[in-house]
Each structure stands twice: as structure tokens, then as C-alpha cells.
C-alpha atoms as a PDB file:
ATOM      1  CA  MET A   1      -6.316  28.702  11.801  1.00  0.00           C
ATOM      2  CA  GLU A   2      -2.683  28.431  12.530  1.00  0.00           C
ATOM      3  CA  ASP A   3      -3.199  25.521  14.658  1.00  0.00           C
ATOM      4  CA  LEU A   4      -5.008  23.663  11.571  1.00  0.00           C
ATOM      5  CA  LEU A   5      -1.887  24.468   9.425  1.00  0.00           C
ATOM      6  CA  GLN A   6       0.450  21.512  10.936  1.00  0.00           C
ATOM      7  CA  PRO A   7      -2.061  18.884  10.732  1.00  0.00           C
ATOM      8  CA  MET A   8      -3.026  20.038   7.244  1.00  0.00           C
ATOM      9  CA  LEU A   9       0.357  19.900   6.005  1.00  0.00           C
ATOM     10  CA  ASN A  10       1.127  16.517   7.817  1.00  0.00           C
ATOM     11  CA  GLY A  11      -2.234  15.010   6.293  1.00  0.00           C
ATOM     12  CA  LEU A  12      -1.008  15.979   2.892  1.00  0.00           C
ATOM     13  CA  LEU A  13       2.303  14.557   3.312  1.00  0.00           C
ATOM     14  CA  LEU A  14       0.959  11.395   5.246  1.00  0.00           C
ATOM     15  CA  GLY A  15      -1.464  11.085   2.151  1.00  0.00           C
ATOM     16  CA  GLY A  16       1.380  10.151  -0.107  1.00  0.00           C
ATOM     17  CA  LEU A  17       2.343   7.086   2.258  1.00  0.00           C
ATOM     18  CA  TYR A  18      -1.149   5.914   2.304  1.00  0.00           C
ATOM     19  CA  ALA A  19      -1.248   5.861  -1.340  1.00  0.00           C
ATOM     20  CA  VAL A  20       1.836   3.841  -1.605  1.00  0.00           C
ATOM     21  CA  ILE A  21       0.438   1.360   1.002  1.00  0.00           C
ATOM     22  CA  ALA A  22      -2.952   1.227  -1.229  1.00  0.00           C
ATOM     23  CA  ILE A  23      -1.463   0.936  -4.659  1.00  0.00           C
ATOM     24  CA  GLY A  24      -0.274  -2.572  -4.976  1.00  0.00           C
ATOM     25  CA  MET A  25      -4.081  -3.703  -3.592  1.00  0.00           C
ATOM     26  CA  THR A  26      -5.799  -1.213  -6.001  1.00  0.00           C
ATOM     27  CA  THR A  27      -3.517  -2.582  -8.899  1.00  0.00           C
ATOM     28  CA  MET A  28      -4.466  -6.118  -8.355  1.00  0.00           C
ATOM     29  CA  PHE A  29      -8.229  -5.030  -8.017  1.00  0.00           C
ATOM     30  CA  GLY A  30      -8.240  -3.220 -10.996  1.00  0.00           C
ATOM     31  CA  ILE A  31      -6.306  -6.026 -12.853  1.00  0.00           C
ATOM     32  CA  VAL A  32      -7.531  -9.620 -11.360  1.00  0.00           C
ATOM     33  CA  LYS A  33     -10.435  -8.133  -9.383  1.00  0.00           C
ATOM     34  CA  LEU A  34      -8.903  -9.651  -6.572  1.00  0.00           C
ATOM     35  CA  VAL A  35      -9.138  -8.453  -3.003  1.00  0.00           C
ATOM     36  CA  ASN A  36      -5.993  -9.607  -1.322  1.00  0.00           C
ATOM     37  CA  LEU A  37      -6.392  -9.790   2.369  1.00  0.00           C
ATOM     38  CA  ALA A  38      -2.913 -10.634   2.778  1.00  0.00           C
ATOM     39  CA  HIS A  39      -1.727  -7.361   1.317  1.00  0.00           C
ATOM     40  CA  GLY A  40      -1.069  -5.697   4.905  1.00  0.00           C
ATOM     41  CA  ASP A  41       1.104  -8.557   6.212  1.00  0.00           C
ATOM     42  CA  LEU A  42       3.105  -9.123   2.895  1.00  0.00           C
ATOM     43  CA  MET A  43       3.779  -5.215   3.508  1.00  0.00           C
ATOM     44  CA  ILE A  44       5.004  -5.929   6.921  1.00  0.00           C
ATOM     45  CA  LEU A  45       6.981  -8.913   5.525  1.00  0.00           C
ATOM     46  CA  GLY A  46       8.940  -6.247   3.553  1.00  0.00           C
ATOM     47  CA  SER A  47       9.469  -4.316   6.683  1.00  0.00           C
ATOM     48  CA  TYR A  48      11.104  -7.235   8.490  1.00  0.00           C
ATOM     49  CA  LEU A  49      13.187  -8.031   5.615  1.00  0.00           C
ATOM     50  CA  SER A  50      14.380  -4.625   5.655  1.00  0.00           C
ATOM     51  CA  LEU A  51      14.619  -4.991   9.671  1.00  0.00           C
ATOM     52  CA  VAL A  52      16.993  -7.834   9.126  1.00  0.00           C
ATOM     53  CA  LEU A  53      19.599  -6.386   6.664  1.00  0.00           C
ATOM     54  CA  VAL A  54      19.491  -3.156   8.890  1.00  0.00           C
ATOM     55  CA  SER A  55      20.322  -5.260  12.001  1.00  0.00           C
ATOM     56  CA  TRP A  56      22.697  -7.741  10.456  1.00  0.00           C
ATOM     57  CA  LEU A  57      24.644  -5.668   7.765  1.00  0.00           C
ATOM     58  CA  GLY A  58      24.081  -2.034   9.128  1.00  0.00           C
ATOM     59  CA  PHE A  59      22.438  -0.844   5.882  1.00  0.00           C
ATOM     60  CA  ASN A  60      20.681   2.398   6.058  1.00  0.00           C
ATOM     61  CA  PRO A  61      17.031   1.617   5.398  1.00  0.00           C
ATOM     62  CA  PHE A  62      16.621   3.383   2.130  1.00  0.00           C
ATOM     63  CA  TRP A  63      19.511   1.003   0.886  1.00  0.00           C
ATOM     64  CA  THR A  64      17.559  -2.228   1.732  1.00  0.00           C
ATOM     65  CA  LEU A  65      15.121  -1.333  -0.946  1.00  0.00           C
ATOM     66  CA  LEU A  66      17.767  -2.701  -3.598  1.00  0.00           C
ATOM     67  CA  ALA A  67      17.119  -6.062  -1.869  1.00  0.00           C
ATOM     68  CA  VAL A  68      13.907  -6.098  -0.293  1.00  0.00           C
ATOM     69  CA  VAL A  69      12.348  -5.007  -3.828  1.00  0.00           C
ATOM     70  CA  PRO A  70      13.330  -7.576  -5.684  1.00  0.00           C
ATOM     71  CA  VAL A  71      12.685 -10.454  -3.042  1.00  0.00           C
ATOM     72  CA  MET A  72       9.041  -9.091  -2.733  1.00  0.00           C
ATOM     73  CA  PHE A  73       8.579  -9.241  -6.467  1.00  0.00           C
ATOM     74  CA  PHE A  74       9.374 -13.136  -6.484  1.00  0.00           C
ATOM     75  CA  VAL A  75       6.993 -13.553  -3.003  1.00  0.00           C
ATOM     76  CA  GLY A  76       4.423 -12.124  -5.094  1.00  0.00           C
ATOM     77  CA  PHE A  77       4.897 -14.081  -8.422  1.00  0.00           C
ATOM     78  CA  PHE A  78       4.978 -17.028  -6.175  1.00  0.00           C
ATOM     79  CA  VAL A  79       1.880 -16.500  -4.173  1.00  0.00           C
ATOM     80  CA  GLN A  80       0.089 -15.585  -7.270  1.00  0.00           C
ATOM     81  CA  GLY A  81       1.394 -18.088  -9.661  1.00  0.00           C
ATOM     82  CA  PHE A  82       1.013 -21.090  -7.264  1.00  0.00           C
ATOM     83  CA  LEU A  83      -1.584 -20.250  -5.028  1.00  0.00           C
ATOM     84  CA  LEU A  84      -4.089 -17.652  -6.217  1.00  0.00           C
ATOM     85  CA  ASN A  85      -4.299 -18.647 -10.015  1.00  0.00           C
ATOM     86  CA  ARG A  86      -5.222 -22.152  -8.916  1.00  0.00           C
ATOM     87  CA  VAL A  87      -8.488 -20.726  -7.628  1.00  0.00           C
ATOM     88  CA  LEU A  88      -9.229 -17.814  -9.927  1.00  0.00           C
ATOM     89  CA  GLY A  89     -12.493 -18.245 -11.689  1.00  0.00           C
ATOM     90  CA  LYS A  90     -13.890 -20.467  -9.006  1.00  0.00           C
ATOM     91  CA  GLU A  91     -16.332 -17.393  -7.772  1.00  0.00           C
ATOM     92  CA  MET A  92     -15.070 -15.202  -5.133  1.00  0.00           C
ATOM     93  CA  GLU A  93     -15.037 -16.931  -1.859  1.00  0.00           C
ATOM     94  CA  PRO A  94     -11.700 -19.179  -2.712  1.00  0.00           C
ATOM     95  CA  PRO A  95      -9.184 -16.506  -3.487  1.00  0.00           C
ATOM     96  CA  LEU A  96     -10.181 -14.789  -0.491  1.00  0.00           C
ATOM     97  CA  LEU A  97     -10.035 -17.854   1.814  1.00  0.00           C
ATOM     98  CA  VAL A  98      -6.322 -18.372   0.080  1.00  0.00           C
ATOM     99  CA  ALA A  99      -5.397 -14.779   1.083  1.00  0.00           C
ATOM    100  CA  PHE A 100      -6.678 -15.008   4.198  1.00  0.00           C
ATOM    101  CA  GLY A 101      -4.859 -18.145   5.192  1.00  0.00           C
ATOM    102  CA  LEU A 102      -1.987 -16.770   3.942  1.00  0.00           C
ATOM    103  CA  SER A 103      -2.374 -13.556   6.370  1.00  0.00           C
ATOM    104  CA  ILE A 104      -2.640 -15.955   9.561  1.00  0.00           C
ATOM    105  CA  ILE A 105       0.397 -17.808   8.132  1.00  0.00           C
ATOM    106  CA  LEU A 106       2.459 -14.945   7.897  1.00  0.00           C
ATOM    107  CA  GLN A 107       1.543 -13.401  11.031  1.00  0.00           C
ATOM    108  CA  ASN A 108       2.308 -16.424  13.199  1.00  0.00           C
ATOM    109  CA  LEU A 109       5.444 -16.714  11.486  1.00  0.00           C
ATOM    110  CA  LEU A 110       6.769 -13.572  11.898  1.00  0.00           C
ATOM    111  CA  LEU A 111       5.642 -13.596  15.534  1.00  0.00           C
ATOM    112  CA  LEU A 112       7.697 -17.107  15.758  1.00  0.00           C
ATOM    113  CA  ILE A 113      10.787 -15.586  14.278  1.00  0.00           C
ATOM    114  CA  PHE A 114      10.856 -11.822  15.750  1.00  0.00           C
ATOM    115  CA  THR A 115       8.805 -12.130  18.776  1.00  0.00           C
ATOM    116  CA  PRO A 116       6.039  -9.648  19.368  1.00  0.00           C
ATOM    117  CA  ASP A 117       8.145  -7.028  20.340  1.00  0.00           C
ATOM    118  CA  ALA A 118       7.432  -3.474  18.452  1.00  0.00           C
ATOM    119  CA  ARG A 119      10.134  -2.731  16.017  1.00  0.00           C
ATOM    120  CA  SER A 120      11.202   0.416  13.851  1.00  0.00           C
ATOM    121  CA  LEU A 121      13.966   0.892  11.127  1.00  0.00           C
ATOM    122  CA  MET A 122      15.799   3.918  12.559  1.00  0.00           C
ATOM    123  CA  THR A 123      16.731   6.768  10.584  1.00  0.00           C
ATOM    124  CA  ASP A 124      18.191  10.466  11.198  1.00  0.00           C
ATOM    125  CA  LEU A 125      15.566  11.938   8.788  1.00  0.00           C
ATOM    126  CA  SER A 126      12.543  10.843  11.982  1.00  0.00           C
ATOM    127  CA  ILE A 127      13.778  13.587  14.096  1.00  0.00           C
ATOM    128  CA  LYS A 128      14.430  16.284  11.183  1.00  0.00           C
ATOM    129  CA  THR A 129      12.063  19.189  10.272  1.00  0.00           C
ATOM    130  CA  ILE A 130      12.398  22.397   8.136  1.00  0.00           C
ATOM    131  CA  PRO A 131      10.876  25.494  10.002  1.00  0.00           C
ATOM    132  CA  LEU A 132       8.134  26.919   7.360  1.00  0.00           C
ATOM    133  CA  GLY A 133       7.370  30.218   9.732  1.00  0.00           C
ATOM    134  CA  GLY A 134       5.593  30.586  12.919  1.00  0.00           C
ATOM    135  CA  SER A 135       4.663  27.011  14.463  1.00  0.00           C
ATOM    136  CA  VAL A 136       4.624  25.171  11.351  1.00  0.00           C
ATOM    137  CA  ASN A 137       7.274  22.715  10.587  1.00  0.00           C
ATOM    138  CA  LEU A 138       7.858  20.317   7.729  1.00  0.00           C
ATOM    139  CA  PRO A 139       8.732  16.864   8.958  1.00  0.00           C
ATOM    140  CA  VAL A 140      11.619  15.697   6.325  1.00  0.00           C
ATOM    141  CA  LEU A 141      10.408  12.022   6.539  1.00  0.00           C
ATOM    142  CA  TYR A 142       7.294  12.603   5.990  1.00  0.00           C
ATOM    143  CA  PHE A 143       7.970  14.822   2.932  1.00  0.00           C
ATOM    144  CA  VAL A 144      10.182  11.980   1.569  1.00  0.00           C
ATOM    145  CA  ASP A 145       7.358   9.378   1.991  1.00  0.00           C
ATOM    146  CA  PHE A 146       5.216  11.792   0.071  1.00  0.00           C
ATOM    147  CA  LEU A 147       7.698  12.163  -2.728  1.00  0.00           C
ATOM    148  CA  ILE A 148       8.395   8.534  -2.974  1.00  0.00           C
ATOM    149  CA  GLY A 149       4.795   7.676  -2.935  1.00  0.00           C
ATOM    150  CA  CYS A 150       4.148   9.989  -5.875  1.00  0.00           C
ATOM    151  CA  ALA A 151       7.077   8.455  -7.500  1.00  0.00           C
ATOM    152  CA  VAL A 152       6.028   4.850  -7.220  1.00  0.00           C
ATOM    153  CA  ILE A 153       2.539   5.756  -8.538  1.00  0.00           C
ATOM    154  CA  LEU A 154       4.097   7.620 -11.639  1.00  0.00           C
ATOM    155  CA  VAL A 155       6.744   4.659 -12.514  1.00  0.00           C
ATOM    156  CA  LEU A 156       3.719   2.286 -12.121  1.00  0.00           C
ATOM    157  CA  HIS A 157       1.470   4.265 -14.715  1.00  0.00           C
ATOM    158  CA  LEU A 158       4.154   4.699 -16.978  1.00  0.00           C
ATOM    159  CA  PHE A 159       4.980   1.128 -17.008  1.00  0.00           C
ATOM    160  CA  PHE A 160       1.499   0.128 -17.575  1.00  0.00           C
ATOM    161  CA  LYS A 161       1.563   2.426 -20.282  1.00  0.00           C
ATOM    162  CA  ASN A 162       4.821   2.094 -22.289  1.00  0.00           C
ATOM    163  CA  THR A 163       6.208  -1.438 -21.611  1.00  0.00           C
ATOM    164  CA  TYR A 164       5.153  -4.769 -23.329  1.00  0.00           C
ATOM    165  CA  ILE A 165       4.395  -6.394 -19.872  1.00  0.00           C
ATOM    166  CA  GLY A 166       2.543  -3.364 -18.929  1.00  0.00           C
ATOM    167  CA  ARG A 167       0.246  -3.303 -22.022  1.00  0.00           C
ATOM    168  CA  ALA A 168      -0.350  -7.124 -21.536  1.00  0.00           C
ATOM    169  CA  ILE A 169      -1.527  -6.890 -18.163  1.00  0.00           C
ATOM    170  CA  ARG A 170      -3.889  -3.943 -19.171  1.00  0.00           C
ATOM    171  CA  ALA A 171      -4.948  -6.296 -22.044  1.00  0.00           C
ATOM    172  CA  ALA A 172      -5.874  -8.996 -19.681  1.00  0.00           C
ATOM    173  CA  SER A 173      -7.483  -6.884 -17.361  1.00  0.00           C
ATOM    174  CA  ASP A 174      -9.656  -5.549 -19.941  1.00  0.00           C
ATOM    175  CA  ASP A 175     -10.740  -8.618 -21.662  1.00  0.00           C
ATOM    176  CA  GLU A 176      -8.973 -12.021 -20.615  1.00  0.00           C
ATOM    177  CA  ILE A 177     -10.535 -14.289 -23.242  1.00  0.00           C
ATOM    178  CA  GLY A 178      -9.445 -11.518 -26.127  1.00  0.00           C
ATOM    179  CA  ALA A 179      -5.872 -11.585 -24.370  1.00  0.00           C
ATOM    180  CA  ARG A 180      -5.765 -15.050 -24.344  1.00  0.00           C
ATOM    181  CA  LEU A 181      -6.897 -15.294 -28.053  1.00  0.00           C
ATOM    182  CA  MET A 182      -3.943 -12.687 -29.106  1.00  0.00           C
ATOM    183  CA  GLY A 183      -1.578 -15.316 -27.378  1.00  0.00           C
ATOM    184  CA  ILE A 184      -1.270 -13.729 -23.894  1.00  0.00           C
ATOM    185  CA  ASN A 185      -0.728 -16.205 -21.132  1.00  0.00           C
ATOM    186  CA  THR A 186      -2.869 -14.477 -18.716  1.00  0.00           C
ATOM    187  CA  LYS A 187      -1.916 -16.633 -15.648  1.00  0.00           C
ATOM    188  CA  ASN A 188       1.610 -15.711 -16.206  1.00  0.00           C
ATOM    189  CA  ILE A 189       0.641 -12.076 -16.827  1.00  0.00           C
ATOM    190  CA  TYR A 190      -1.023 -12.001 -13.465  1.00  0.00           C
ATOM    191  CA  ALA A 191       1.870 -13.331 -11.660  1.00  0.00           C
ATOM    192  CA  TYR A 192       3.749 -10.870 -12.829  1.00  0.00           C
ATOM    193  CA  ALA A 193       1.115  -8.185 -11.850  1.00  0.00           C
ATOM    194  CA  MET A 194       1.135  -9.523  -8.344  1.00  0.00           C
ATOM    195  CA  GLY A 195       5.071  -9.506  -8.310  1.00  0.00           C
ATOM    196  CA  ILE A 196       5.085  -5.706  -9.445  1.00  0.00           C
ATOM    197  CA  ALA A 197       2.230  -5.072  -6.529  1.00  0.00           C
ATOM    198  CA  MET A 198       4.428  -6.654  -4.031  1.00  0.00           C
ATOM    199  CA  MET A 199       7.361  -4.259  -5.037  1.00  0.00           C
ATOM    200  CA  THR A 200       5.169  -1.384  -4.202  1.00  0.00           C
ATOM    201  CA  ALA A 201       4.450  -3.351  -0.922  1.00  0.00           C
ATOM    202  CA  ALA A 202       7.836  -3.768  -0.236  1.00  0.00           C
ATOM    203  CA  VAL A 203       8.530   0.250  -0.752  1.00  0.00           C
ATOM    204  CA  ALA A 204       5.642   0.879   1.518  1.00  0.00           C
ATOM    205  CA  GLY A 205       6.714  -1.627   4.072  1.00  0.00           C
ATOM    206  CA  VAL A 206      10.331   0.126   4.092  1.00  0.00           C
ATOM    207  CA  LEU A 207       8.712   3.628   4.673  1.00  0.00           C
ATOM    208  CA  VAL A 208       6.029   2.456   7.053  1.00  0.00           C
ATOM    209  CA  GLY A 209       9.015   1.013   9.294  1.00  0.00           C
ATOM    210  CA  MET A 210      10.808   4.180   9.305  1.00  0.00           C
ATOM    211  CA  THR A 211       7.905   6.401  10.017  1.00  0.00           C
ATOM    212  CA  PHE A 212       5.994   4.269  12.603  1.00  0.00           C
ATOM    213  CA  THR A 213       6.756   1.295  14.522  1.00  0.00           C
ATOM    214  CA  PHE A 214       5.448  -2.246  13.651  1.00  0.00           C
ATOM    215  CA  TYR A 215       4.922  -5.788  15.319  1.00  0.00           C
ATOM    216  CA  PRO A 216       3.803  -8.995  13.373  1.00  0.00           C
ATOM    217  CA  HIS A 217       0.180  -8.424  13.718  1.00  0.00           C
ATOM    218  CA  THR A 218       0.691  -4.796  12.121  1.00  0.00           C
ATOM    219  CA  GLY A 219      -0.708  -5.902   8.800  1.00  0.00           C
ATOM    220  CA  PRO A 220      -4.311  -5.762   9.211  1.00  0.00           C
ATOM    221  CA  GLN A 221      -4.128  -2.250  10.378  1.00  0.00           C
ATOM    222  CA  TYR A 222      -2.637  -1.443   7.280  1.00  0.00           C
ATOM    223  CA  LEU A 223      -5.343  -3.505   5.164  1.00  0.00           C
ATOM    224  CA  ILE A 224      -7.812  -1.351   6.568  1.00  0.00           C
ATOM    225  CA  ILE A 225      -5.858   1.640   5.387  1.00  0.00           C
ATOM    226  CA  ALA A 226      -5.572   0.282   2.072  1.00  0.00           C
ATOM    227  CA  PHE A 227      -9.292  -0.429   1.708  1.00  0.00           C
ATOM    228  CA  GLY A 228     -10.204   2.957   2.779  1.00  0.00           C
ATOM    229  CA  VAL A 229      -7.642   4.682   0.137  1.00  0.00           C
ATOM    230  CA  MET A 230      -9.167   2.402  -2.344  1.00  0.00           C
ATOM    231  CA  ILE A 231     -12.784   2.980  -1.726  1.00  0.00           C
ATOM    232  CA  ILE A 232     -12.525   6.651  -1.523  1.00  0.00           C
ATOM    233  CA  GLY A 233     -10.274   7.115  -4.582  1.00  0.00           C
ATOM    234  CA  GLY A 234     -11.879   4.610  -6.689  1.00  0.00           C
ATOM    235  CA  LEU A 235     -11.550   0.741  -7.377  1.00  0.00           C
ATOM    236  CA  GLY A 236      -8.639   0.227  -9.547  1.00  0.00           C
ATOM    237  CA  SER A 237      -7.748   3.765 -10.127  1.00  0.00           C
ATOM    238  CA  MET A 238      -4.168   4.822  -9.554  1.00  0.00           C
ATOM    239  CA  LYS A 239      -4.696   8.904  -9.494  1.00  0.00           C
ATOM    240  CA  GLY A 240      -7.774   7.956  -7.042  1.00  0.00           C
ATOM    241  CA  CYS A 241      -5.385   6.305  -4.866  1.00  0.00           C
ATOM    242  CA  LEU A 242      -3.215   9.006  -4.227  1.00  0.00           C
ATOM    243  CA  VAL A 243      -6.220  11.544  -3.765  1.00  0.00           C
ATOM    244  CA  GLY A 244      -7.869   8.961  -1.442  1.00  0.00           C
ATOM    245  CA  GLY A 245      -4.739   8.836   0.446  1.00  0.00           C
ATOM    246  CA  ILE A 246      -4.510  12.423   0.899  1.00  0.00           C
ATOM    247  CA  ILE A 247      -8.355  12.603   1.969  1.00  0.00           C
ATOM    248  CA  LEU A 248      -8.204   9.777   4.400  1.00  0.00           C
ATOM    249  CA  ALA A 249      -5.183  11.105   6.127  1.00  0.00           C
ATOM    250  CA  GLU A 250      -6.427  14.882   6.181  1.00  0.00           C
ATOM    251  CA  ALA A 251      -9.620  13.668   7.649  1.00  0.00           C
ATOM    252  CA  GLN A 252      -7.744  11.776  10.562  1.00  0.00           C
ATOM    253  CA  LEU A 253      -5.450  14.416  11.374  1.00  0.00           C
ATOM    254  CA  ILE A 254      -7.906  17.231  11.262  1.00  0.00           C
ATOM    255  CA  GLY A 255     -10.311  15.162  12.964  1.00  0.00           C
ATOM    256  CA  ALA A 256      -7.847  14.512  15.838  1.00  0.00           C
ATOM    257  CA  GLN A 257      -6.915  18.107  15.914  1.00  0.00           C
ATOM    258  CA  PHE A 258     -10.542  18.963  16.728  1.00  0.00           C
ATOM    259  CA  ALA A 259     -11.778  15.927  18.728  1.00  0.00           C
ATOM    260  CA  GLY A 260      -8.792  14.277  20.008  1.00  0.00           C
ATOM    261  CA  PRO A 261      -6.105  11.484  18.708  1.00  0.00           C
ATOM    262  CA  GLY A 262      -8.688   8.790  19.970  1.00  0.00           C
ATOM    263  CA  TYR A 263     -11.581   9.693  17.521  1.00  0.00           C
ATOM    264  CA  GLN A 264      -8.663   9.968  14.410  1.00  0.00           C
ATOM    265  CA  LEU A 265      -9.727   6.599  13.020  1.00  0.00           C
ATOM    266  CA  LEU A 266     -13.335   6.848  13.748  1.00  0.00           C
ATOM    267  CA  ILE A 267     -13.383  10.542  11.740  1.00  0.00           C
ATOM    268  CA  GLY A 268     -11.173   9.174   8.829  1.00  0.00           C
ATOM    269  CA  TYR A 269     -13.875   6.237   8.599  1.00  0.00           C
ATOM    270  CA  LEU A 270     -17.007   8.964   8.660  1.00  0.00           C
ATOM    271  CA  VAL A 271     -15.538  10.622   5.610  1.00  0.00           C
ATOM    272  CA  LEU A 272     -15.260   6.972   4.148  1.00  0.00           C
ATOM    273  CA  LEU A 273     -18.728   6.649   4.954  1.00  0.00           C
ATOM    274  CA  ILE A 274     -19.778   9.986   3.466  1.00  0.00           C
ATOM    275  CA  VAL A 275     -17.898   9.214   0.050  1.00  0.00           C
ATOM    276  CA  LEU A 276     -19.738   5.952  -0.279  1.00  0.00           C
ATOM    277  CA  GLY A 277     -23.027   7.634   0.424  1.00  0.00           C
ATOM    278  CA  VAL A 278     -22.387  10.529  -2.299  1.00  0.00           C
ATOM    279  CA  ARG A 279     -20.382   8.628  -4.929  1.00  0.00           C
ATOM    280  CA  PRO A 280     -20.514   4.759  -4.251  1.00  0.00           C
ATOM    281  CA  GLN A 281     -17.785   3.875  -7.031  1.00  0.00           C
ATOM    282  CA  GLY A 282     -15.361   6.335  -5.422  1.00  0.00           C
ATOM    283  CA  ILE A 283     -13.947   9.841  -6.800  1.00  0.00           C
ATOM    284  CA  PHE A 284     -12.199   8.316  -9.905  1.00  0.00           C
ATOM    285  CA  GLY A 285     -14.223   5.129 -10.017  1.00  0.00           C
ATOM    286  CA  LYS A 286     -16.137   3.925 -13.059  1.00  0.00           C
ATOM    287  CA  VAL A 287     -20.022   3.322 -12.627  1.00  0.00           C
END
């Protein structure tokens, strides 16, 4: 049992990072019913923007959030406002194709600029642990990832609940025609929503860069994680995003403890299939 405590703790903390990886994708699906296939690559773009600031200006990776988050807001606003909005309402395939094309472009652009070498955002927190007794240690960086993930979800929830733009986004999500009749420019609101989603992706990108190595083609790996979290927790559910992230991470790390690291992803997605079989709409999803 003691051998399980460390992977259980790591899985709980890693679940917070998985949640912040998926929250932007979950938000856009809940609002626009859009599956953004470029979500992982846009997140990794945030990692590389942070890397540039760390390499050129010597910033701490956490401080780079002050620049990367606003930049990614404008990237998201542009992508939705000038690309995806033009194909919304024309069946499901055109937005998927546009997002897939954007994913391919981003991967090759990052490959051209940064080469295929693996990179990471170096920080002292990577090697720090807090002893909890016995052989169990609290990884400080994982703990920070968890706290920031929870904070991002809480701030996003309060934003949608208490601000004018947040309420307008919810109105456009609930009834697009009704929102238009009330004077809301839904296309503009969708662009703001994507910008906000990309702000969360920027946070995820910086955290992923500090926690793991990344390279230009890492995006699809995190897109799959975001899909898994979103499906387990429930499509469009914020609290489901956190619960789904914890369940997926726990399944992967505890599964790796029993079956070995090579089976980590397999066991995680077997749990995903079980959740789909028992509750197809996800834990907090609506029927």
C-alpha cells in the first residue's frame, strides 16, 4: 500500500495540470460546439513563446506568463475571428478542417524556427520535494501545477458568472438567435471566448514546459489528453474538467505502478472507455 501512495499523490497533482490543459478546449466546445484540433499546438506555441523570453531576456518562466498570456489572447481572437467564424454554421467538417490545417501549419512553423530538438523551461522547482513521511515526497512543481490549475478553473468560472462578457458568452452559448435579438454580436463574442481559451492554453503551455520536455510535434499528444479529460468529465463542464483530469492522471500513474510505464497511456484510456460505457455523456455531462 505504501508503494501506491506516491503514484496516487503524483496522479492527484498531475490531474490539476491535465485540467488546465483541457479547460480551454472544454470551454470552446461548451460555447461554440467546436472541437479545436489545433488546441494542443496552440498550447505548445505558448511554451515556445515562454522559451524565447527565458532564453533571450533571462526571465523566470513564471514571469513570462505576464507576456505570453496576453499574446495568446490575441492569437486566439484572430484565429476565431478571422478563420473559424467564417466557417461556423456550415456543418461540422469545415471548422474541423480549418483547425486541422492550422495544426499542421503551426507544427511545421515551430519545426522551421526551433528545430526538432526537445526543449524545456528550466526552473529550480523541478528538483524540489517536500518529505511527507516514509518514502512519500511531495513534488513541489507538481503541487504548483495543481494549485495553478485549480486557480485557473475558479477564475474562469467567476469570470463567466460575474462579468458582462462572461454573461454574453453564456447567452450566446445557450441561445445564439436569442442573444442576437438582445443585441449581442455573437461572432465577436465567440472570438473573445477563443481568446480567453487561449489564455488558459498559454498557462498550460508554460506549466507543461516547466514540467516536461516539449518539441514542435508535441501538440497532438496534449490534444489527446485534453480529449480524454473532456470526455471523462463531461463535455463543456468546468468542474468535470478538474475531476476528469484527476481520474485520467490517477489511472495512468497507478496503472504504470502495476503494469509498467509502457502501459501508462493504455490503462488511462481503458478507464476512459469504461466511463464512456457506464456514462456516455461524462461524469458531469448533461444528457
